[in-house]
Amino acid sequence: MKKNTYVVMFSTAGNEKEAYKIANHLVKNHLVACVNIVPSLRSVYWWNNKVNHDNEVLMILKTKTKKVPKIEKAIRALHSYDTPELIAFQLQYGLPRYLQWMDGALSAGIKK
């Protein structure tokens, strides 16, 4: 595995419909290999000078570092939040066969 090649990203959405819309766009356009959608997340956070409590949906995105700028652009365009969460963690290890699958999913449809 090449160092710093793969990342796992977290983003939240206000509901499952929005999460699926974003996930479908990202996968269809080969920006991510996979999005796990975790429903019924309860978030407690500081916003507009107060503590807020909201139901959200967590999206876990698997991709490569080089795709992050295009993912950010897509999230900003598709998301309903003024300031959507989008954070990335560099992958320290991945099962080689899984990473090969990711490479294929991320390059599908790309003419060489």
N, C-alpha and C. Protein backbone atom coordinates (compact mmCIF):
# COMPACT_ATOMS: atom_id res chain seq x y z
N MET A 1 0.85 -1.19 0.00
CA MET A 1 0.00 0.00 0.00
C MET A 1 0.88 1.24 0.00
N LYS A 2 0.61 2.16 -0.91
CA LYS A 2 1.35 3.41 -0.96
C LYS A 2 0.93 4.29 0.21
N LYS A 3 1.89 4.90 0.84
CA LYS A 3 1.62 5.74 1.99
C LYS A 3 0.72 6.91 1.60
N ASN A 4 -0.26 7.19 2.43
CA ASN A 4 -1.16 8.33 2.29
C ASN A 4 -2.00 8.30 1.01
N THR A 5 -2.15 7.14 0.42
CA THR A 5 -2.93 7.04 -0.80
C THR A 5 -4.43 6.96 -0.52
N TYR A 6 -4.80 6.25 0.53
CA TYR A 6 -6.21 6.00 0.83
C TYR A 6 -6.66 6.78 2.06
N VAL A 7 -7.91 7.23 2.02
CA VAL A 7 -8.49 7.93 3.17
C VAL A 7 -9.89 7.41 3.44
N VAL A 8 -10.29 7.53 4.70
CA VAL A 8 -11.66 7.30 5.11
C VAL A 8 -12.17 8.66 5.56
N MET A 9 -13.35 9.03 5.07
CA MET A 9 -13.91 10.35 5.38
C MET A 9 -15.23 10.19 6.11
N PHE A 10 -15.53 11.14 6.96
CA PHE A 10 -16.82 11.20 7.65
C PHE A 10 -17.55 12.46 7.21
N SER A 11 -18.83 12.32 7.02
CA SER A 11 -19.71 13.45 6.77
C SER A 11 -21.08 13.09 7.34
N THR A 12 -21.81 14.08 7.78
CA THR A 12 -23.16 13.84 8.27
C THR A 12 -24.17 14.53 7.36
N ALA A 13 -25.38 14.03 7.41
CA ALA A 13 -26.49 14.62 6.65
C ALA A 13 -27.69 14.73 7.59
N GLY A 14 -28.62 15.57 7.23
CA GLY A 14 -29.79 15.79 8.06
C GLY A 14 -30.80 14.66 8.04
N ASN A 15 -30.77 13.84 6.98
CA ASN A 15 -31.70 12.71 6.88
C ASN A 15 -31.17 11.70 5.88
N GLU A 16 -31.81 10.53 5.86
CA GLU A 16 -31.34 9.44 4.99
C GLU A 16 -31.50 9.77 3.51
N LYS A 17 -32.56 10.47 3.15
CA LYS A 17 -32.76 10.83 1.74
C LYS A 17 -31.59 11.65 1.22
N GLU A 18 -31.16 12.63 2.00
CA GLU A 18 -30.03 13.46 1.59
C GLU A 18 -28.74 12.63 1.55
N ALA A 19 -28.54 11.78 2.53
CA ALA A 19 -27.34 10.93 2.58
C ALA A 19 -27.28 10.03 1.35
N TYR A 20 -28.39 9.41 0.98
CA TYR A 20 -28.42 8.54 -0.20
C TYR A 20 -28.18 9.33 -1.48
N LYS A 21 -28.72 10.54 -1.56
CA LYS A 21 -28.50 11.39 -2.74
C LYS A 21 -27.01 11.69 -2.90
N ILE A 22 -26.37 12.07 -1.82
CA ILE A 22 -24.94 12.38 -1.85
C ILE A 22 -24.13 11.12 -2.16
N ALA A 23 -24.44 10.02 -1.47
CA ALA A 23 -23.71 8.76 -1.67
C ALA A 23 -23.82 8.28 -3.11
N ASN A 24 -25.02 8.29 -3.66
CA ASN A 24 -25.21 7.84 -5.05
C ASN A 24 -24.39 8.68 -6.02
N HIS A 25 -24.38 9.99 -5.82
CA HIS A 25 -23.60 10.87 -6.69
C HIS A 25 -22.11 10.54 -6.60
N LEU A 26 -21.61 10.38 -5.39
CA LEU A 26 -20.18 10.13 -5.20
C LEU A 26 -19.75 8.79 -5.78
N VAL A 27 -20.56 7.75 -5.58
CA VAL A 27 -20.22 6.42 -6.11
C VAL A 27 -20.36 6.39 -7.63
N LYS A 28 -21.46 6.94 -8.14
CA LYS A 28 -21.71 6.94 -9.58
C LYS A 28 -20.60 7.64 -10.35
N ASN A 29 -20.04 8.68 -9.75
CA ASN A 29 -18.98 9.46 -10.40
C ASN A 29 -17.58 8.99 -10.02
N HIS A 30 -17.49 7.84 -9.37
CA HIS A 30 -16.22 7.20 -9.02
C HIS A 30 -15.32 8.10 -8.17
N LEU A 31 -15.96 8.93 -7.34
CA LEU A 31 -15.21 9.75 -6.40
C LEU A 31 -14.92 8.98 -5.12
N VAL A 32 -15.78 8.02 -4.80
CA VAL A 32 -15.58 7.13 -3.66
C VAL A 32 -15.86 5.71 -4.13
N ALA A 33 -15.24 4.75 -3.45
CA ALA A 33 -15.51 3.35 -3.77
C ALA A 33 -16.76 2.87 -3.06
N CYS A 34 -17.03 3.44 -1.88
CA CYS A 34 -18.13 2.97 -1.05
C CYS A 34 -18.52 4.06 -0.06
N VAL A 35 -19.81 4.09 0.26
CA VAL A 35 -20.30 4.95 1.34
C VAL A 35 -21.16 4.07 2.26
N ASN A 36 -20.78 4.00 3.51
CA ASN A 36 -21.63 3.36 4.52
C ASN A 36 -22.52 4.44 5.10
N ILE A 37 -23.81 4.17 5.17
CA ILE A 37 -24.77 5.12 5.73
C ILE A 37 -25.28 4.56 7.04
N VAL A 38 -25.02 5.30 8.11
CA VAL A 38 -25.40 4.88 9.46
C VAL A 38 -26.55 5.78 9.92
N PRO A 39 -27.78 5.26 9.99
CA PRO A 39 -28.92 6.08 10.38
C PRO A 39 -28.98 6.30 11.90
N SER A 40 -29.83 7.21 12.29
CA SER A 40 -30.17 7.44 13.70
C SER A 40 -28.97 7.80 14.58
N LEU A 41 -28.22 8.75 14.12
CA LEU A 41 -27.11 9.28 14.90
C LEU A 41 -27.62 10.52 15.64
N ARG A 42 -27.28 10.65 16.89
CA ARG A 42 -27.67 11.84 17.67
C ARG A 42 -26.43 12.70 17.84
N SER A 43 -26.48 13.94 17.37
CA SER A 43 -25.34 14.84 17.46
C SER A 43 -25.60 15.96 18.46
N VAL A 44 -24.59 16.24 19.26
CA VAL A 44 -24.61 17.36 20.20
C VAL A 44 -23.42 18.23 19.81
N TYR A 45 -23.68 19.49 19.47
CA TYR A 45 -22.61 20.34 18.94
C TYR A 45 -22.89 21.81 19.23
N TRP A 46 -21.84 22.60 19.14
CA TRP A 46 -21.92 24.04 19.35
C TRP A 46 -22.14 24.72 18.02
N TRP A 47 -23.21 25.50 17.90
CA TRP A 47 -23.51 26.22 16.65
C TRP A 47 -24.36 27.43 16.97
N ASN A 48 -24.05 28.56 16.38
CA ASN A 48 -24.78 29.82 16.59
C ASN A 48 -24.89 30.18 18.07
N ASN A 49 -23.77 30.06 18.76
CA ASN A 49 -23.66 30.47 20.16
C ASN A 49 -24.50 29.66 21.14
N LYS A 50 -24.79 28.41 20.80
CA LYS A 50 -25.54 27.57 21.74
C LYS A 50 -25.28 26.09 21.45
N VAL A 51 -25.63 25.26 22.42
CA VAL A 51 -25.53 23.82 22.27
C VAL A 51 -26.77 23.34 21.52
N ASN A 52 -26.55 22.55 20.47
CA ASN A 52 -27.65 22.02 19.66
C ASN A 52 -27.68 20.50 19.79
N HIS A 53 -28.87 19.94 19.64
CA HIS A 53 -29.10 18.49 19.67
C HIS A 53 -29.92 18.16 18.43
N ASP A 54 -29.36 17.33 17.55
CA ASP A 54 -30.07 16.99 16.32
C ASP A 54 -29.89 15.52 15.96
N ASN A 55 -30.88 14.98 15.27
CA ASN A 55 -30.75 13.66 14.65
C ASN A 55 -30.05 13.85 13.32
N GLU A 56 -29.07 13.01 13.05
CA GLU A 56 -28.34 13.08 11.79
C GLU A 56 -28.08 11.67 11.28
N VAL A 57 -27.54 11.61 10.10
CA VAL A 57 -27.14 10.36 9.46
C VAL A 57 -25.65 10.47 9.17
N LEU A 58 -24.87 9.46 9.55
CA LEU A 58 -23.44 9.46 9.31
C LEU A 58 -23.12 8.76 7.99
N MET A 59 -22.28 9.38 7.21
CA MET A 59 -21.76 8.77 5.98
C MET A 59 -20.27 8.51 6.17
N ILE A 60 -19.85 7.28 5.93
CA ILE A 60 -18.44 6.91 5.99
C ILE A 60 -18.01 6.63 4.55
N LEU A 61 -17.10 7.43 4.04
CA LEU A 61 -16.68 7.38 2.64
C LEU A 61 -15.28 6.78 2.54
N LYS A 62 -15.07 5.89 1.57
CA LYS A 62 -13.76 5.31 1.33
C LYS A 62 -13.27 5.74 -0.05
N THR A 63 -12.06 6.32 -0.08
CA THR A 63 -11.57 6.89 -1.33
C THR A 63 -10.06 7.02 -1.31
N LYS A 64 -9.53 7.74 -2.27
CA LYS A 64 -8.10 8.06 -2.34
C LYS A 64 -7.92 9.56 -2.10
N THR A 65 -6.76 9.89 -1.58
CA THR A 65 -6.45 11.27 -1.24
C THR A 65 -6.66 12.21 -2.43
N LYS A 66 -6.26 11.79 -3.61
CA LYS A 66 -6.35 12.66 -4.79
C LYS A 66 -7.80 13.01 -5.16
N LYS A 67 -8.77 12.26 -4.66
CA LYS A 67 -10.17 12.53 -4.98
C LYS A 67 -10.81 13.53 -4.01
N VAL A 68 -10.15 13.85 -2.91
CA VAL A 68 -10.74 14.67 -1.85
C VAL A 68 -11.22 16.04 -2.36
N PRO A 69 -10.46 16.78 -3.16
CA PRO A 69 -10.97 18.09 -3.63
C PRO A 69 -12.29 17.99 -4.40
N LYS A 70 -12.43 16.97 -5.25
CA LYS A 70 -13.68 16.81 -6.01
C LYS A 70 -14.82 16.37 -5.09
N ILE A 71 -14.51 15.58 -4.07
CA ILE A 71 -15.53 15.17 -3.10
C ILE A 71 -16.01 16.40 -2.34
N GLU A 72 -15.08 17.23 -1.91
CA GLU A 72 -15.46 18.47 -1.20
C GLU A 72 -16.37 19.33 -2.07
N LYS A 73 -16.03 19.50 -3.32
CA LYS A 73 -16.85 20.30 -4.24
C LYS A 73 -18.26 19.70 -4.36
N ALA A 74 -18.35 18.39 -4.49
CA ALA A 74 -19.65 17.73 -4.62
C ALA A 74 -20.47 17.86 -3.33
N ILE A 75 -19.83 17.66 -2.19
CA ILE A 75 -20.54 17.78 -0.91
C ILE A 75 -21.09 19.20 -0.75
N ARG A 76 -20.27 20.19 -1.05
CA ARG A 76 -20.73 21.58 -0.93
C ARG A 76 -21.93 21.86 -1.85
N ALA A 77 -21.92 21.27 -3.03
CA ALA A 77 -23.00 21.50 -3.99
C ALA A 77 -24.28 20.75 -3.63
N LEU A 78 -24.16 19.55 -3.07
CA LEU A 78 -25.33 18.70 -2.84
C LEU A 78 -25.91 18.81 -1.42
N HIS A 79 -25.13 19.30 -0.49
CA HIS A 79 -25.52 19.26 0.93
C HIS A 79 -26.43 20.43 1.29
N SER A 80 -27.34 20.18 2.22
CA SER A 80 -28.26 21.23 2.66
C SER A 80 -27.68 22.12 3.76
N TYR A 81 -26.61 21.66 4.42
CA TYR A 81 -26.01 22.44 5.51
C TYR A 81 -25.16 23.58 4.96
N ASP A 82 -25.15 24.70 5.69
CA ASP A 82 -24.24 25.80 5.33
C ASP A 82 -22.79 25.38 5.49
N THR A 83 -22.52 24.62 6.54
CA THR A 83 -21.17 24.15 6.83
C THR A 83 -21.21 22.64 7.07
N PRO A 84 -21.18 21.85 6.00
CA PRO A 84 -21.24 20.40 6.20
C PRO A 84 -19.96 19.87 6.82
N GLU A 85 -20.11 18.80 7.58
CA GLU A 85 -18.94 18.10 8.11
C GLU A 85 -18.29 17.32 6.98
N LEU A 86 -16.99 17.45 6.86
CA LEU A 86 -16.22 16.62 5.95
C LEU A 86 -14.81 16.54 6.51
N ILE A 87 -14.48 15.40 7.10
CA ILE A 87 -13.16 15.19 7.68
C ILE A 87 -12.59 13.90 7.13
N ALA A 88 -11.27 13.85 7.02
CA ALA A 88 -10.61 12.68 6.43
C ALA A 88 -9.51 12.16 7.35
N PHE A 89 -9.36 10.84 7.34
CA PHE A 89 -8.31 10.17 8.09
C PHE A 89 -7.51 9.32 7.11
N GLN A 90 -6.20 9.43 7.17
CA GLN A 90 -5.37 8.61 6.31
C GLN A 90 -5.42 7.16 6.79
N LEU A 91 -5.56 6.27 5.84
CA LEU A 91 -5.64 4.85 6.14
C LEU A 91 -4.24 4.32 6.43
N GLN A 92 -4.07 3.67 7.56
CA GLN A 92 -2.79 3.09 7.94
C GLN A 92 -2.61 1.69 7.37
N TYR A 93 -3.71 0.98 7.19
CA TYR A 93 -3.63 -0.37 6.65
C TYR A 93 -4.96 -0.69 5.98
N GLY A 94 -4.87 -1.51 4.96
CA GLY A 94 -6.06 -2.05 4.32
C GLY A 94 -5.73 -3.42 3.75
N LEU A 95 -6.65 -4.33 3.84
CA LEU A 95 -6.47 -5.65 3.26
C LEU A 95 -6.15 -5.45 1.77
N PRO A 96 -5.03 -5.97 1.28
CA PRO A 96 -4.64 -5.72 -0.11
C PRO A 96 -5.74 -5.99 -1.14
N ARG A 97 -6.47 -7.06 -0.98
CA ARG A 97 -7.54 -7.38 -1.94
C ARG A 97 -8.65 -6.31 -1.90
N TYR A 98 -8.96 -5.79 -0.70
CA TYR A 98 -9.96 -4.72 -0.58
C TYR A 98 -9.46 -3.45 -1.26
N LEU A 99 -8.19 -3.12 -1.07
CA LEU A 99 -7.63 -1.92 -1.70
C LEU A 99 -7.61 -2.06 -3.22
N GLN A 100 -7.38 -3.27 -3.72
CA GLN A 100 -7.45 -3.50 -5.17
C GLN A 100 -8.87 -3.26 -5.67
N TRP A 101 -9.86 -3.74 -4.89
CA TRP A 101 -11.25 -3.49 -5.27
C TRP A 101 -11.53 -2.00 -5.29
N MET A 102 -11.04 -1.27 -4.26
CA MET A 102 -11.23 0.18 -4.23
C MET A 102 -10.64 0.83 -5.46
N ASP A 103 -9.41 0.43 -5.82
CA ASP A 103 -8.76 1.00 -7.01
C ASP A 103 -9.62 0.81 -8.25
N GLY A 104 -10.18 -0.38 -8.40
CA GLY A 104 -11.03 -0.66 -9.54
C GLY A 104 -12.30 0.18 -9.54
N ALA A 105 -12.93 0.31 -8.37
CA ALA A 105 -14.17 1.09 -8.26
C ALA A 105 -13.91 2.57 -8.51
N LEU A 106 -12.76 3.04 -8.10
CA LEU A 106 -12.44 4.46 -8.26
C LEU A 106 -11.99 4.80 -9.68
N SER A 107 -11.54 3.81 -10.43
CA SER A 107 -11.08 4.07 -11.79
C SER A 107 -12.07 3.59 -12.85
N ALA A 108 -13.15 2.95 -12.44
CA ALA A 108 -14.15 2.45 -13.40
C ALA A 108 -14.67 3.60 -14.24
N GLY A 109 -14.79 3.35 -15.51
CA GLY A 109 -15.32 4.37 -16.41
C GLY A 109 -14.30 5.39 -16.86
N ILE A 110 -13.07 5.30 -16.36
CA ILE A 110 -12.03 6.24 -16.75
C ILE A 110 -11.26 5.64 -17.93
N LYS A 111 -11.23 6.39 -19.01
CA LYS A 111 -10.50 5.91 -20.20
C LYS A 111 -9.01 6.23 -20.03
N LYS A 112 -8.21 5.23 -20.33
CA LYS A 112 -6.76 5.41 -20.20
C LYS A 112 -6.12 5.61 -21.55
